[in-house]
Amino acid sequence: MTVEMLELTRQSMSAGQFRQVWGPIYDQLLAEKRARAITPISDKQLLLAACQPVRCIQDNLQGRGNDAPKSEELCDWIHFCYTLDLYREAAALWQYVHQDEVNAWQYERTKKVAPVCRAKI
């Protein structure tokens, strides 16, 4: 039995009937499929992977480095900092984002995160 086979089966049954008959098997197969998408990574590798962008962001805020990031990258950095509870960095980066350099959806999304970061400082 595969997820694909169950997807075909689901098309010929009502949602409630499918859940009752195949729900647990479907859920288990789906979980196994999602688990295969997980990259094996050690805590040390994860720490190193997170440290590099944080140092880059902090260096940029301190004026180190010659490359000024584009607004799109700044938006990515802001969300990354928000995720890691680096609210000071996220709030500081917001002032360098230029609306005309970013997709409207990305600007609006980041615009909502910036005041949250300021409030958490």
PDB file of N, CA and C in Angstrom:
ATOM      1  N   MET A   1       0.849  -1.177   0.000  1.00  0.00           N
ATOM      2  CA  MET A   1       0.000   0.000   0.000  1.00  0.00           C
ATOM      3  C   MET A   1       0.896   1.242   0.000  1.00  0.00           C
ATOM      4  N   THR A   2       0.552   2.223  -0.824  1.00  0.00           N
ATOM      5  CA  THR A   2       1.314   3.459  -0.903  1.00  0.00           C
ATOM      6  C   THR A   2       0.378   4.647  -0.713  1.00  0.00           C
ATOM      7  N   VAL A   3       0.946   5.797  -0.467  1.00  0.00           N
ATOM      8  CA  VAL A   3       0.163   7.028  -0.338  1.00  0.00           C
ATOM      9  C   VAL A   3      -0.560   7.293  -1.652  1.00  0.00           C
ATOM     10  N   GLU A   4       0.136   7.076  -2.749  1.00  0.00           N
ATOM     11  CA  GLU A   4      -0.463   7.328  -4.066  1.00  0.00           C
ATOM     12  C   GLU A   4      -1.695   6.444  -4.288  1.00  0.00           C
ATOM     13  N   MET A   5      -1.607   5.161  -3.898  1.00  0.00           N
ATOM     14  CA  MET A   5      -2.742   4.254  -4.039  1.00  0.00           C
ATOM     15  C   MET A   5      -3.916   4.727  -3.192  1.00  0.00           C
ATOM     16  N   LEU A   6      -3.611   5.183  -1.991  1.00  0.00           N
ATOM     17  CA  LEU A   6      -4.674   5.666  -1.111  1.00  0.00           C
ATOM     18  C   LEU A   6      -5.270   6.974  -1.623  1.00  0.00           C
ATOM     19  N   GLU A   7      -4.456   7.798  -2.270  1.00  0.00           N
ATOM     20  CA  GLU A   7      -4.981   9.036  -2.866  1.00  0.00           C
ATOM     21  C   GLU A   7      -6.020   8.690  -3.934  1.00  0.00           C
ATOM     22  N   LEU A   8      -5.738   7.682  -4.739  1.00  0.00           N
ATOM     23  CA  LEU A   8      -6.695   7.247  -5.760  1.00  0.00           C
ATOM     24  C   LEU A   8      -7.964   6.689  -5.108  1.00  0.00           C
ATOM     25  N   THR A   9      -7.784   5.929  -4.051  1.00  0.00           N
ATOM     26  CA  THR A   9      -8.926   5.364  -3.323  1.00  0.00           C
ATOM     27  C   THR A   9      -9.779   6.476  -2.729  1.00  0.00           C
ATOM     28  N   ARG A  10      -9.139   7.490  -2.219  1.00  0.00           N
ATOM     29  CA  ARG A  10      -9.859   8.599  -1.579  1.00  0.00           C
ATOM     30  C   ARG A  10     -10.777   9.319  -2.551  1.00  0.00           C
ATOM     31  N   GLN A  11     -10.398   9.349  -3.820  1.00  0.00           N
ATOM     32  CA  GLN A  11     -11.214  10.035  -4.826  1.00  0.00           C
ATOM     33  C   GLN A  11     -12.567   9.348  -5.038  1.00  0.00           C
ATOM     34  N   SER A  12     -12.635   8.070  -4.723  1.00  0.00           N
ATOM     35  CA  SER A  12     -13.886   7.339  -4.958  1.00  0.00           C
ATOM     36  C   SER A  12     -14.726   7.167  -3.686  1.00  0.00           C
ATOM     37  N   MET A  13     -14.301   7.776  -2.593  1.00  0.00           N
ATOM     38  CA  MET A  13     -15.027   7.645  -1.326  1.00  0.00           C
ATOM     39  C   MET A  13     -15.301   9.036  -0.749  1.00  0.00           C
ATOM     40  N   SER A  14     -16.284   9.095   0.131  1.00  0.00           N
ATOM     41  CA  SER A  14     -16.505  10.352   0.848  1.00  0.00           C
ATOM     42  C   SER A  14     -15.363  10.535   1.851  1.00  0.00           C
ATOM     43  N   ALA A  15     -15.143  11.761   2.257  1.00  0.00           N
ATOM     44  CA  ALA A  15     -14.046  12.055   3.192  1.00  0.00           C
ATOM     45  C   ALA A  15     -14.224  11.284   4.496  1.00  0.00           C
ATOM     46  N   GLY A  16     -15.425  11.266   5.024  1.00  0.00           N
ATOM     47  CA  GLY A  16     -15.683  10.565   6.286  1.00  0.00           C
ATOM     48  C   GLY A  16     -15.476   9.066   6.172  1.00  0.00           C
ATOM     49  N   GLN A  17     -15.937   8.501   5.069  1.00  0.00           N
ATOM     50  CA  GLN A  17     -15.784   7.061   4.855  1.00  0.00           C
ATOM     51  C   GLN A  17     -14.300   6.709   4.688  1.00  0.00           C
ATOM     52  N   PHE A  18     -13.587   7.534   3.938  1.00  0.00           N
ATOM     53  CA  PHE A  18     -12.154   7.285   3.742  1.00  0.00           C
ATOM     54  C   PHE A  18     -11.417   7.325   5.075  1.00  0.00           C
ATOM     55  N   ARG A  19     -11.685   8.336   5.885  1.00  0.00           N
ATOM     56  CA  ARG A  19     -11.020   8.464   7.192  1.00  0.00           C
ATOM     57  C   ARG A  19     -11.327   7.259   8.075  1.00  0.00           C
ATOM     58  N   GLN A  20     -12.559   6.811   8.037  1.00  0.00           N
ATOM     59  CA  GLN A  20     -12.956   5.693   8.885  1.00  0.00           C
ATOM     60  C   GLN A  20     -12.244   4.406   8.473  1.00  0.00           C
ATOM     61  N   VAL A  21     -12.147   4.150   7.185  1.00  0.00           N
ATOM     62  CA  VAL A  21     -11.564   2.896   6.699  1.00  0.00           C
ATOM     63  C   VAL A  21     -10.042   2.968   6.596  1.00  0.00           C
ATOM     64  N   TRP A  22      -9.545   4.037   6.026  1.00  0.00           N
ATOM     65  CA  TRP A  22      -8.117   4.107   5.688  1.00  0.00           C
ATOM     66  C   TRP A  22      -7.334   5.151   6.492  1.00  0.00           C
ATOM     67  N   GLY A  23      -8.004   5.929   7.313  1.00  0.00           N
ATOM     68  CA  GLY A  23      -7.356   7.045   8.014  1.00  0.00           C
ATOM     69  C   GLY A  23      -6.053   6.713   8.715  1.00  0.00           C
ATOM     70  N   PRO A  24      -6.025   5.730   9.627  1.00  0.00           N
ATOM     71  CA  PRO A  24      -4.774   5.443  10.346  1.00  0.00           C
ATOM     72  C   PRO A  24      -3.629   4.986   9.423  1.00  0.00           C
ATOM     73  N   ILE A  25      -3.956   4.168   8.442  1.00  0.00           N
ATOM     74  CA  ILE A  25      -2.918   3.695   7.512  1.00  0.00           C
ATOM     75  C   ILE A  25      -2.410   4.857   6.668  1.00  0.00           C
ATOM     76  N   TYR A  26      -3.335   5.675   6.185  1.00  0.00           N
ATOM     77  CA  TYR A  26      -2.964   6.842   5.381  1.00  0.00           C
ATOM     78  C   TYR A  26      -2.068   7.791   6.179  1.00  0.00           C
ATOM     79  N   ASP A  27      -2.454   8.072   7.417  1.00  0.00           N
ATOM     80  CA  ASP A  27      -1.664   8.958   8.275  1.00  0.00           C
ATOM     81  C   ASP A  27      -0.254   8.406   8.504  1.00  0.00           C
ATOM     82  N   GLN A  28      -0.159   7.118   8.736  1.00  0.00           N
ATOM     83  CA  GLN A  28       1.144   6.493   8.971  1.00  0.00           C
ATOM     84  C   GLN A  28       2.028   6.560   7.718  1.00  0.00           C
ATOM     85  N   LEU A  29       1.453   6.239   6.571  1.00  0.00           N
ATOM     86  CA  LEU A  29       2.224   6.297   5.326  1.00  0.00           C
ATOM     87  C   LEU A  29       2.660   7.719   5.001  1.00  0.00           C
ATOM     88  N   LEU A  30       1.778   8.677   5.262  1.00  0.00           N
ATOM     89  CA  LEU A  30       2.112  10.079   5.023  1.00  0.00           C
ATOM     90  C   LEU A  30       3.241  10.536   5.944  1.00  0.00           C
ATOM     91  N   ALA A  31       3.186  10.121   7.205  1.00  0.00           N
ATOM     92  CA  ALA A  31       4.241  10.477   8.160  1.00  0.00           C
ATOM     93  C   ALA A  31       5.573   9.871   7.736  1.00  0.00           C
ATOM     94  N   GLU A  32       5.556   8.638   7.269  1.00  0.00           N
ATOM     95  CA  GLU A  32       6.792   7.998   6.795  1.00  0.00           C
ATOM     96  C   GLU A  32       7.347   8.711   5.573  1.00  0.00           C
ATOM     97  N   LYS A  33       6.463   9.139   4.682  1.00  0.00           N
ATOM     98  CA  LYS A  33       6.903   9.871   3.485  1.00  0.00           C
ATOM     99  C   LYS A  33       7.521  11.210   3.872  1.00  0.00           C
ATOM    100  N   ARG A  34       6.892  11.932   4.798  1.00  0.00           N
ATOM    101  CA  ARG A  34       7.430  13.224   5.255  1.00  0.00           C
ATOM    102  C   ARG A  34       8.765  13.037   5.968  1.00  0.00           C
ATOM    103  N   ALA A  35       8.900  11.960   6.725  1.00  0.00           N
ATOM    104  CA  ALA A  35      10.138  11.712   7.475  1.00  0.00           C
ATOM    105  C   ALA A  35      11.330  11.522   6.537  1.00  0.00           C
ATOM    106  N   ARG A  36      11.088  10.989   5.350  1.00  0.00           N
ATOM    107  CA  ARG A  36      12.178  10.806   4.381  1.00  0.00           C
ATOM    108  C   ARG A  36      12.712  12.136   3.869  1.00  0.00           C
ATOM    109  N   ALA A  37      11.967  13.201   4.066  1.00  0.00           N
ATOM    110  CA  ALA A  37      12.390  14.524   3.613  1.00  0.00           C
ATOM    111  C   ALA A  37      13.284  15.230   4.632  1.00  0.00           C
ATOM    112  N   ILE A  38      13.488  14.629   5.787  1.00  0.00           N
ATOM    113  CA  ILE A  38      14.289  15.252   6.840  1.00  0.00           C
ATOM    114  C   ILE A  38      15.769  14.993   6.585  1.00  0.00           C
ATOM    115  N   THR A  39      16.538  16.052   6.584  1.00  0.00           N
ATOM    116  CA  THR A  39      17.981  15.951   6.408  1.00  0.00           C
ATOM    117  C   THR A  39      18.620  15.574   7.725  1.00  0.00           C
ATOM    118  N   PRO A  40      19.413  14.512   7.723  1.00  0.00           N
ATOM    119  CA  PRO A  40      20.111  14.179   8.974  1.00  0.00           C
ATOM    120  C   PRO A  40      21.177  15.245   9.261  1.00  0.00           C
ATOM    121  N   ILE A  41      21.123  15.800  10.466  1.00  0.00           N
ATOM    122  CA  ILE A  41      22.080  16.847  10.829  1.00  0.00           C
ATOM    123  C   ILE A  41      22.333  16.763  12.335  1.00  0.00           C
ATOM    124  N   SER A  42      23.595  16.851  12.696  1.00  0.00           N
ATOM    125  CA  SER A  42      23.944  16.812  14.111  1.00  0.00           C
ATOM    126  C   SER A  42      23.715  18.191  14.731  1.00  0.00           C
ATOM    127  N   ASP A  43      23.672  18.227  16.050  1.00  0.00           N
ATOM    128  CA  ASP A  43      23.521  19.509  16.744  1.00  0.00           C
ATOM    129  C   ASP A  43      24.689  20.433  16.410  1.00  0.00           C
ATOM    130  N   LYS A  44      25.881  19.882  16.307  1.00  0.00           N
ATOM    131  CA  LYS A  44      27.057  20.689  15.987  1.00  0.00           C
ATOM    132  C   LYS A  44      26.931  21.289  14.590  1.00  0.00           C
ATOM    133  N   GLN A  45      26.497  20.477  13.622  1.00  0.00           N
ATOM    134  CA  GLN A  45      26.315  20.988  12.262  1.00  0.00           C
ATOM    135  C   GLN A  45      25.242  22.071  12.225  1.00  0.00           C
ATOM    136  N   LEU A  46      24.168  21.860  12.967  1.00  0.00           N
ATOM    137  CA  LEU A  46      23.085  22.828  13.019  1.00  0.00           C
ATOM    138  C   LEU A  46      23.549  24.136  13.642  1.00  0.00           C
ATOM    139  N   LEU A  47      24.319  24.042  14.705  1.00  0.00           N
ATOM    140  CA  LEU A  47      24.855  25.232  15.351  1.00  0.00           C
ATOM    141  C   LEU A  47      25.757  26.014  14.408  1.00  0.00           C
ATOM    142  N   LEU A  48      26.624  25.328  13.717  1.00  0.00           N
ATOM    143  CA  LEU A  48      27.515  25.992  12.765  1.00  0.00           C
ATOM    144  C   LEU A  48      26.737  26.635  11.624  1.00  0.00           C
ATOM    145  N   ALA A  49      25.706  25.945  11.151  1.00  0.00           N
ATOM    146  CA  ALA A  49      24.896  26.477  10.060  1.00  0.00           C
ATOM    147  C   ALA A  49      24.153  27.740  10.476  1.00  0.00           C
ATOM    148  N   ALA A  50      23.713  27.813  11.717  1.00  0.00           N
ATOM    149  CA  ALA A  50      22.996  28.998  12.194  1.00  0.00           C
ATOM    150  C   ALA A  50      23.948  30.133  12.545  1.00  0.00           C
ATOM    151  N   CYS A  51      25.135  29.793  13.014  1.00  0.00           N
ATOM    152  CA  CYS A  51      26.089  30.822  13.435  1.00  0.00           C
ATOM    153  C   CYS A  51      26.564  31.687  12.273  1.00  0.00           C
ATOM    154  N   GLN A  52      26.803  31.075  11.137  1.00  0.00           N
ATOM    155  CA  GLN A  52      27.356  31.819  10.007  1.00  0.00           C
ATOM    156  C   GLN A  52      26.460  32.983   9.580  1.00  0.00           C
ATOM    157  N   PRO A  53      25.158  32.773   9.332  1.00  0.00           N
ATOM    158  CA  PRO A  53      24.339  33.926   8.958  1.00  0.00           C
ATOM    159  C   PRO A  53      24.165  34.943  10.084  1.00  0.00           C
ATOM    160  N   VAL A  54      24.138  34.483  11.333  1.00  0.00           N
ATOM    161  CA  VAL A  54      24.017  35.429  12.448  1.00  0.00           C
ATOM    162  C   VAL A  54      25.248  36.335  12.489  1.00  0.00           C
ATOM    163  N   ARG A  55      26.424  35.762  12.333  1.00  0.00           N
ATOM    164  CA  ARG A  55      27.651  36.574  12.320  1.00  0.00           C
ATOM    165  C   ARG A  55      27.646  37.545  11.143  1.00  0.00           C
ATOM    166  N   CYS A  56      27.172  37.097   9.998  1.00  0.00           N
ATOM    167  CA  CYS A  56      27.097  37.957   8.818  1.00  0.00           C
ATOM    168  C   CYS A  56      26.165  39.141   9.077  1.00  0.00           C
ATOM    169  N   ILE A  57      25.020  38.865   9.683  1.00  0.00           N
ATOM    170  CA  ILE A  57      24.053  39.919  10.010  1.00  0.00           C
ATOM    171  C   ILE A  57      24.656  40.900  11.009  1.00  0.00           C
ATOM    172  N   GLN A  58      25.268  40.382  12.055  1.00  0.00           N
ATOM    173  CA  GLN A  58      25.858  41.259  13.066  1.00  0.00           C
ATOM    174  C   GLN A  58      27.021  42.062  12.499  1.00  0.00           C
ATOM    175  N   ASP A  59      27.829  41.444  11.655  1.00  0.00           N
ATOM    176  CA  ASP A  59      28.922  42.184  10.997  1.00  0.00           C
ATOM    177  C   ASP A  59      28.360  43.319  10.154  1.00  0.00           C
ATOM    178  N   ASN A  60      27.294  43.032   9.422  1.00  0.00           N
ATOM    179  CA  ASN A  60      26.685  44.064   8.591  1.00  0.00           C
ATOM    180  C   ASN A  60      26.185  45.223   9.436  1.00  0.00           C
ATOM    181  N   LEU A  61      25.539  44.919  10.552  1.00  0.00           N
ATOM    182  CA  LEU A  61      25.031  45.987  11.423  1.00  0.00           C
ATOM    183  C   LEU A  61      26.161  46.809  12.039  1.00  0.00           C
ATOM    184  N   GLN A  62      27.310  46.206  12.204  1.00  0.00           N
ATOM    185  CA  GLN A  62      28.467  46.912  12.761  1.00  0.00           C
ATOM    186  C   GLN A  62      29.280  47.616  11.684  1.00  0.00           C
ATOM    187  N   GLY A  63      28.822  47.544  10.443  1.00  0.00           N
ATOM    188  CA  GLY A  63      29.498  48.233   9.352  1.00  0.00           C
ATOM    189  C   GLY A  63      30.697  47.501   8.800  1.00  0.00           C
ATOM    190  N   ARG A  64      30.838  46.246   9.158  1.00  0.00           N
ATOM    191  CA  ARG A  64      31.940  45.452   8.615  1.00  0.00           C
ATOM    192  C   ARG A  64      31.502  44.803   7.314  1.00  0.00           C
ATOM    193  N   GLY A  65      32.380  44.776   6.374  1.00  0.00           N
ATOM    194  CA  GLY A  65      32.057  44.180   5.079  1.00  0.00           C
ATOM    195  C   GLY A  65      31.742  45.258   4.066  1.00  0.00           C
ATOM    196  N   ASN A  66      31.996  44.959   2.829  1.00  0.00           N
ATOM    197  CA  ASN A  66      31.825  45.948   1.763  1.00  0.00           C
ATOM    198  C   ASN A  66      30.479  45.844   1.067  1.00  0.00           C
ATOM    199  N   ASP A  67      29.838  44.713   1.159  1.00  0.00           N
ATOM    200  CA  ASP A  67      28.599  44.493   0.419  1.00  0.00           C
ATOM    201  C   ASP A  67      27.380  44.887   1.235  1.00  0.00           C
ATOM    202  N   ALA A  68      26.611  45.809   0.696  1.00  0.00           N
ATOM    203  CA  ALA A  68      25.340  46.173   1.326  1.00  0.00           C
ATOM    204  C   ALA A  68      24.283  45.201   0.805  1.00  0.00           C
ATOM    205  N   PRO A  69      23.594  44.504   1.685  1.00  0.00           N
ATOM    206  CA  PRO A  69      22.587  43.548   1.219  1.00  0.00           C
ATOM    207  C   PRO A  69      21.402  44.261   0.582  1.00  0.00           C
ATOM    208  N   LYS A  70      20.799  43.596  -0.361  1.00  0.00           N
ATOM    209  CA  LYS A  70      19.599  44.127  -0.997  1.00  0.00           C
ATOM    210  C   LYS A  70      18.427  43.991  -0.025  1.00  0.00           C
ATOM    211  N   SER A  71      17.388  44.742  -0.257  1.00  0.00           N
ATOM    212  CA  SER A  71      16.229  44.737   0.636  1.00  0.00           C
ATOM    213  C   SER A  71      15.599  43.356   0.750  1.00  0.00           C
ATOM    214  N   GLU A  72      15.600  42.610  -0.331  1.00  0.00           N
ATOM    215  CA  GLU A  72      15.036  41.253  -0.282  1.00  0.00           C
ATOM    216  C   GLU A  72      15.803  40.386   0.716  1.00  0.00           C
ATOM    217  N   GLU A  73      17.128  40.496   0.695  1.00  0.00           N
ATOM    218  CA  GLU A  73      17.943  39.736   1.642  1.00  0.00           C
ATOM    219  C   GLU A  73      17.720  40.239   3.066  1.00  0.00           C
ATOM    220  N   LEU A  74      17.569  41.535   3.226  1.00  0.00           N
ATOM    221  CA  LEU A  74      17.292  42.089   4.554  1.00  0.00           C
ATOM    222  C   LEU A  74      15.988  41.530   5.120  1.00  0.00           C
ATOM    223  N   CYS A  75      14.977  41.406   4.274  1.00  0.00           N
ATOM    224  CA  CYS A  75      13.706  40.821   4.726  1.00  0.00           C
ATOM    225  C   CYS A  75      13.916  39.384   5.184  1.00  0.00           C
ATOM    226  N   ASP A  76      14.699  38.633   4.420  1.00  0.00           N
ATOM    227  CA  ASP A  76      15.010  37.258   4.828  1.00  0.00           C
ATOM    228  C   ASP A  76      15.737  37.253   6.164  1.00  0.00           C
ATOM    229  N   TRP A  77      16.688  38.150   6.321  1.00  0.00           N
ATOM    230  CA  TRP A  77      17.441  38.236   7.570  1.00  0.00           C
ATOM    231  C   TRP A  77      16.514  38.565   8.741  1.00  0.00           C
ATOM    232  N   ILE A  78      15.590  39.477   8.525  1.00  0.00           N
ATOM    233  CA  ILE A  78      14.667  39.877   9.587  1.00  0.00           C
ATOM    234  C   ILE A  78      13.858  38.672  10.070  1.00  0.00           C
ATOM    235  N   HIS A  79      13.358  37.889   9.149  1.00  0.00           N
ATOM    236  CA  HIS A  79      12.589  36.698   9.534  1.00  0.00           C
ATOM    237  C   HIS A  79      13.478  35.653  10.205  1.00  0.00           C
ATOM    238  N   PHE A  80      14.684  35.515   9.728  1.00  0.00           N
ATOM    239  CA  PHE A  80      15.638  34.591  10.339  1.00  0.00           C
ATOM    240  C   PHE A  80      15.917  35.021  11.782  1.00  0.00           C
ATOM    241  N   CYS A  81      16.179  36.307  11.972  1.00  0.00           N
ATOM    242  CA  CYS A  81      16.436  36.830  13.322  1.00  0.00           C
ATOM    243  C   CYS A  81      15.215  36.655  14.217  1.00  0.00           C
ATOM    244  N   TYR A  82      14.037  36.924  13.689  1.00  0.00           N
ATOM    245  CA  TYR A  82      12.807  36.750  14.458  1.00  0.00           C
ATOM    246  C   TYR A  82      12.674  35.305  14.925  1.00  0.00           C
ATOM    247  N   THR A  83      12.953  34.370  14.047  1.00  0.00           N
ATOM    248  CA  THR A  83      12.851  32.955  14.378  1.00  0.00           C
ATOM    249  C   THR A  83      13.806  32.565  15.495  1.00  0.00           C
ATOM    250  N   LEU A  84      14.976  33.199  15.523  1.00  0.00           N
ATOM    251  CA  LEU A  84      15.990  32.887  16.542  1.00  0.00           C
ATOM    252  C   LEU A  84      15.903  33.797  17.765  1.00  0.00           C
ATOM    253  N   ASP A  85      14.851  34.590  17.860  1.00  0.00           N
ATOM    254  CA  ASP A  85      14.663  35.536  18.970  1.00  0.00           C
ATOM    255  C   ASP A  85      15.749  36.607  19.016  1.00  0.00           C
ATOM    256  N   LEU A  86      16.305  36.955  17.885  1.00  0.00           N
ATOM    257  CA  LEU A  86      17.294  38.034  17.790  1.00  0.00           C
ATOM    258  C   LEU A  86      16.543  39.312  17.402  1.00  0.00           C
ATOM    259  N   TYR A  87      15.736  39.792  18.334  1.00  0.00           N
ATOM    260  CA  TYR A  87      14.816  40.886  18.047  1.00  0.00           C
ATOM    261  C   TYR A  87      15.538  42.209  17.804  1.00  0.00           C
ATOM    262  N   ARG A  88      16.627  42.451  18.489  1.00  0.00           N
ATOM    263  CA  ARG A  88      17.377  43.705  18.284  1.00  0.00           C
ATOM    264  C   ARG A  88      17.882  43.796  16.852  1.00  0.00           C
ATOM    265  N   GLU A  89      18.459  42.691  16.384  1.00  0.00           N
ATOM    266  CA  GLU A  89      18.984  42.686  15.020  1.00  0.00           C
ATOM    267  C   GLU A  89      17.857  42.869  14.004  1.00  0.00           C
ATOM    268  N   ALA A  90      16.764  42.164  14.211  1.00  0.00           N
ATOM    269  CA  ALA A  90      15.636  42.260  13.274  1.00  0.00           C
ATOM    270  C   ALA A  90      15.091  43.683  13.214  1.00  0.00           C
ATOM    271  N   ALA A  91      14.909  44.289  14.370  1.00  0.00           N
ATOM    272  CA  ALA A  91      14.391  45.660  14.410  1.00  0.00           C
ATOM    273  C   ALA A  91      15.358  46.640  13.765  1.00  0.00           C
ATOM    274  N   ALA A  92      16.642  46.453  13.989  1.00  0.00           N
ATOM    275  CA  ALA A  92      17.640  47.348  13.409  1.00  0.00           C
ATOM    276  C   ALA A  92      17.704  47.214  11.892  1.00  0.00           C
ATOM    277  N   LEU A  93      17.528  46.026  11.380  1.00  0.00           N
ATOM    278  CA  LEU A  93      17.597  45.796   9.928  1.00  0.00           C
ATOM    279  C   LEU A  93      16.431  46.432   9.183  1.00  0.00           C
ATOM    280  N   TRP A  94      15.279  46.537   9.820  1.00  0.00           N
ATOM    281  CA  TRP A  94      14.074  47.027   9.152  1.00  0.00           C
ATOM    282  C   TRP A  94      14.276  48.408   8.538  1.00  0.00           C
ATOM    283  N   GLN A  95      15.027  49.261   9.194  1.00  0.00           N
ATOM    284  CA  GLN A  95      15.201  50.632   8.683  1.00  0.00           C
ATOM    285  C   GLN A  95      15.932  50.686   7.341  1.00  0.00           C
ATOM    286  N   TYR A  96      16.580  49.612   6.950  1.00  0.00           N
ATOM    287  CA  TYR A  96      17.329  49.589   5.692  1.00  0.00           C
ATOM    288  C   TYR A  96      16.560  48.938   4.546  1.00  0.00           C
ATOM    289  N   VAL A  97      15.344  48.465   4.829  1.00  0.00           N
ATOM    290  CA  VAL A  97      14.519  47.845   3.789  1.00  0.00           C
ATOM    291  C   VAL A  97      13.822  48.945   2.999  1.00  0.00           C
ATOM    292  N   HIS A  98      13.950  48.872   1.669  1.00  0.00           N
ATOM    293  CA  HIS A  98      13.294  49.838   0.782  1.00  0.00           C
ATOM    294  C   HIS A  98      12.141  49.136   0.065  1.00  0.00           C
ATOM    295  N   GLN A  99      10.948  49.659   0.251  1.00  0.00           N
ATOM    296  CA  GLN A  99       9.735  49.014  -0.249  1.00  0.00           C
ATOM    297  C   GLN A  99       9.781  48.762  -1.749  1.00  0.00           C
ATOM    298  N   ASP A 100      10.349  49.682  -2.502  1.00  0.00           N
ATOM    299  CA  ASP A 100      10.366  49.535  -3.964  1.00  0.00           C
ATOM    300  C   ASP A 100      11.353  48.480  -4.461  1.00  0.00           C
ATOM    301  N   GLU A 101      12.149  47.913  -3.579  1.00  0.00           N
ATOM    302  CA  GLU A 101      13.114  46.881  -3.962  1.00  0.00           C
ATOM    303  C   GLU A 101      12.640  45.459  -3.612  1.00  0.00           C
ATOM    304  N   VAL A 102      11.435  45.348  -3.077  1.00  0.00           N
ATOM    305  CA  VAL A 102      10.960  44.066  -2.564  1.00  0.00           C
ATOM    306  C   VAL A 102       9.568  43.776  -3.126  1.00  0.00           C
ATOM    307  N   ASN A 103       9.269  42.501  -3.316  1.00  0.00           N
ATOM    308  CA  ASN A 103       7.909  42.107  -3.699  1.00  0.00           C
ATOM    309  C   ASN A 103       6.933  42.626  -2.647  1.00  0.00           C
ATOM    310  N   ALA A 104       5.753  42.997  -3.094  1.00  0.00           N
ATOM    311  CA  ALA A 104       4.761  43.571  -2.173  1.00  0.00           C
ATOM    312  C   ALA A 104       4.428  42.620  -1.034  1.00  0.00           C
ATOM    313  N   TRP A 105       4.236  41.343  -1.330  1.00  0.00           N
ATOM    314  CA  TRP A 105       3.880  40.375  -0.279  1.00  0.00           C
ATOM    315  C   TRP A 105       5.005  40.241   0.744  1.00  0.00           C
ATOM    316  N   GLN A 106       6.259  40.270   0.263  1.00  0.00           N
ATOM    317  CA  GLN A 106       7.396  40.119   1.173  1.00  0.00           C
ATOM    318  C   GLN A 106       7.534  41.363   2.048  1.00  0.00           C
ATOM    319  N   TYR A 107       7.330  42.519   1.461  1.00  0.00           N
ATOM    320  CA  TYR A 107       7.413  43.754   2.232  1.00  0.00           C
ATOM    321  C   TYR A 107       6.339  43.774   3.320  1.00  0.00           C
ATOM    322  N   GLU A 108       5.097  43.457   2.951  1.00  0.00           N
ATOM    323  CA  GLU A 108       3.998  43.488   3.916  1.00  0.00           C
ATOM    324  C   GLU A 108       4.209  42.478   5.034  1.00  0.00           C
ATOM    325  N   ARG A 109       4.695  41.308   4.678  1.00  0.00           N
ATOM    326  CA  ARG A 109       4.961  40.269   5.682  1.00  0.00           C
ATOM    327  C   ARG A 109       6.029  40.736   6.671  1.00  0.00           C
ATOM    328  N   THR A 110       7.089  41.312   6.139  1.00  0.00           N
ATOM    329  CA  THR A 110       8.182  41.778   6.992  1.00  0.00           C
ATOM    330  C   THR A 110       7.765  43.002   7.799  1.00  0.00           C
ATOM    331  N   LYS A 111       6.951  43.842   7.206  1.00  0.00           N
ATOM    332  CA  LYS A 111       6.447  45.038   7.884  1.00  0.00           C
ATOM    333  C   LYS A 111       5.662  44.669   9.147  1.00  0.00           C
ATOM    334  N   LYS A 112       5.020  43.500   9.127  1.00  0.00           N
ATOM    335  CA  LYS A 112       4.269  43.038  10.303  1.00  0.00           C
ATOM    336  C   LYS A 112       5.200  42.505  11.392  1.00  0.00           C
ATOM    337  N   VAL A 113       6.325  41.945  10.991  1.00  0.00           N
ATOM    338  CA  VAL A 113       7.257  41.349  11.954  1.00  0.00           C
ATOM    339  C   VAL A 113       8.083  42.429  12.663  1.00  0.00           C
ATOM    340  N   ALA A 114       8.442  43.479  11.955  1.00  0.00           N
ATOM    341  CA  ALA A 114       9.322  44.512  12.517  1.00  0.00           C
ATOM    342  C   ALA A 114       8.806  45.117  13.824  1.00  0.00           C
ATOM    343  N   PRO A 115       7.541  45.548  13.900  1.00  0.00           N
ATOM    344  CA  PRO A 115       7.071  46.119  15.165  1.00  0.00           C
ATOM    345  C   PRO A 115       6.988  45.088  16.294  1.00  0.00           C
ATOM    346  N   VAL A 116       6.744  43.846  15.946  1.00  0.00           N
ATOM    347  CA  VAL A 116       6.732  42.781  16.955  1.00  0.00           C
ATOM    348  C   VAL A 116       8.126  42.663  17.559  1.00  0.00           C
ATOM    349  N   CYS A 117       9.142  42.723  16.706  1.00  0.00           N
ATOM    350  CA  CYS A 117      10.526  42.646  17.187  1.00  0.00           C
ATOM    351  C   CYS A 117      10.868  43.830  18.085  1.00  0.00           C
ATOM    352  N   ARG A 118      10.451  45.021  17.666  1.00  0.00           N
ATOM    353  CA  ARG A 118      10.708  46.213  18.489  1.00  0.00           C
ATOM    354  C   ARG A 118      10.046  46.072  19.853  1.00  0.00           C
ATOM    355  N   ALA A 119       8.841  45.533  19.866  1.00  0.00           N
ATOM    356  CA  ALA A 119       8.114  45.376  21.126  1.00  0.00           C
ATOM    357  C   ALA A 119       8.763  44.359  22.055  1.00  0.00           C
ATOM    358  N   LYS A 120       9.456  43.396  21.487  1.00  0.00           N
ATOM    359  CA  LYS A 120      10.075  42.342  22.296  1.00  0.00           C
ATOM    360  C   LYS A 120      11.456  42.725  22.828  1.00  0.00           C
ATOM    361  N   ILE A 121      11.974  43.843  22.380  1.00  0.00           N
ATOM    362  CA  ILE A 121      13.306  44.269  22.835  1.00  0.00           C
ATOM    363  C   ILE A 121      13.216  44.718  24.285  1.00  0.00           C
TER     364      ILE A 121
END
